[in-house]
Amino acid sequence: MDPGEYDVCTYCGKSIFPDVAECPYCHKYTDGKGPHGLNAGEPRRLAWYYVLAGWVLLLLMLLPFVLQLWAWLK
């Protein structure tokens, strides 16, 4: 094989065609991107609905304390 015609998978070390995103042997992404298009060094971001659900749960947990404080200040 001519080295200019093939690339080497960084995970399994087998020869693959150039510009192939997923290795046909080990099924790992060789272009530095995962199945969701994230770069390898980039952390995954939370979806907006997880953040919203977290805020709603936090407010629901604080609600009894706020109501008790409000009753105490009256």
Protein backbone atom coordinates (compact mmCIF):
# COMPACT_ATOMS: atom_id res chain seq x y z
CA MET A 1 0.00 0.00 0.00
CA ASP A 2 1.22 3.46 -0.85
CA PRO A 3 1.25 5.70 2.29
CA GLY A 4 -0.29 8.54 0.27
CA GLU A 5 -3.35 6.48 -0.59
CA TYR A 6 -4.27 5.30 2.90
CA ASP A 7 -4.50 6.73 6.39
CA VAL A 8 -4.02 4.84 9.63
CA CYS A 9 -6.81 4.61 12.21
CA THR A 10 -5.62 6.23 15.43
CA TYR A 11 -7.52 3.66 17.50
CA CYS A 12 -6.85 0.26 15.92
CA GLY A 13 -3.91 1.08 13.65
CA LYS A 14 -5.39 -0.48 10.50
CA SER A 15 -5.13 1.14 7.09
CA ILE A 16 -8.26 2.99 6.01
CA PHE A 17 -9.19 5.19 3.08
CA PRO A 18 -8.41 8.90 3.53
CA ASP A 19 -11.17 11.24 4.74
CA VAL A 20 -13.20 8.40 6.28
CA ALA A 21 -15.00 9.63 9.39
CA GLU A 22 -15.65 6.21 10.98
CA CYS A 23 -13.18 3.33 10.89
CA PRO A 24 -14.82 0.30 9.25
CA TYR A 25 -12.91 -2.07 11.56
CA CYS A 26 -13.24 -0.64 15.08
CA HIS A 27 -16.14 1.78 14.36
CA LYS A 28 -14.41 4.68 16.14
CA TYR A 29 -14.53 8.18 14.69
CA THR A 30 -11.17 9.07 13.17
CA ASP A 31 -11.85 12.72 12.30
CA GLY A 32 -11.83 13.90 15.92
CA LYS A 33 -15.61 14.06 16.05
CA GLY A 34 -18.03 11.77 17.75
CA PRO A 35 -21.48 10.71 16.64
CA HIS A 36 -22.93 14.08 17.66
CA GLY A 37 -20.35 16.17 15.83
CA LEU A 38 -18.47 17.27 18.95
CA ASN A 39 -14.74 17.80 18.83
CA ALA A 40 -12.75 15.33 20.88
CA GLY A 41 -11.42 17.93 23.34
CA GLU A 42 -14.69 19.78 23.68
CA PRO A 43 -16.94 19.02 26.67
CA ARG A 44 -20.53 18.11 25.94
CA ARG A 45 -23.09 20.80 26.66
CA LEU A 46 -26.29 20.13 28.54
CA ALA A 47 -29.51 20.45 26.63
CA TRP A 48 -31.62 23.48 27.54
CA TYR A 49 -34.42 21.33 28.98
CA TYR A 50 -32.04 19.72 31.49
CA VAL A 51 -30.99 23.17 32.68
CA LEU A 52 -34.62 24.27 32.91
CA ALA A 53 -35.59 21.12 34.81
CA GLY A 54 -32.71 21.73 37.24
CA TRP A 55 -33.88 25.27 37.96
CA VAL A 56 -37.49 24.14 38.44
CA LEU A 57 -36.40 21.43 40.88
CA LEU A 58 -34.22 23.87 42.78
CA LEU A 59 -37.09 26.35 43.10
CA LEU A 60 -39.47 23.62 44.23
CA MET A 61 -36.99 22.52 46.89
CA LEU A 62 -36.58 26.11 48.14
CA LEU A 63 -40.31 26.87 48.10
CA PRO A 64 -41.07 25.56 51.65
CA PHE A 65 -38.23 27.64 53.12
CA VAL A 66 -39.38 30.77 51.30
CA LEU A 67 -42.99 30.26 52.42
CA GLN A 68 -41.89 29.70 56.02
CA LEU A 69 -39.70 32.80 55.95
CA TRP A 70 -42.56 34.84 54.48
CA ALA A 71 -44.93 33.61 57.21
CA TRP A 72 -42.36 34.40 59.88
CA LEU A 73 -41.80 37.95 58.61
CA LYS A 74 -45.51 38.80 58.64
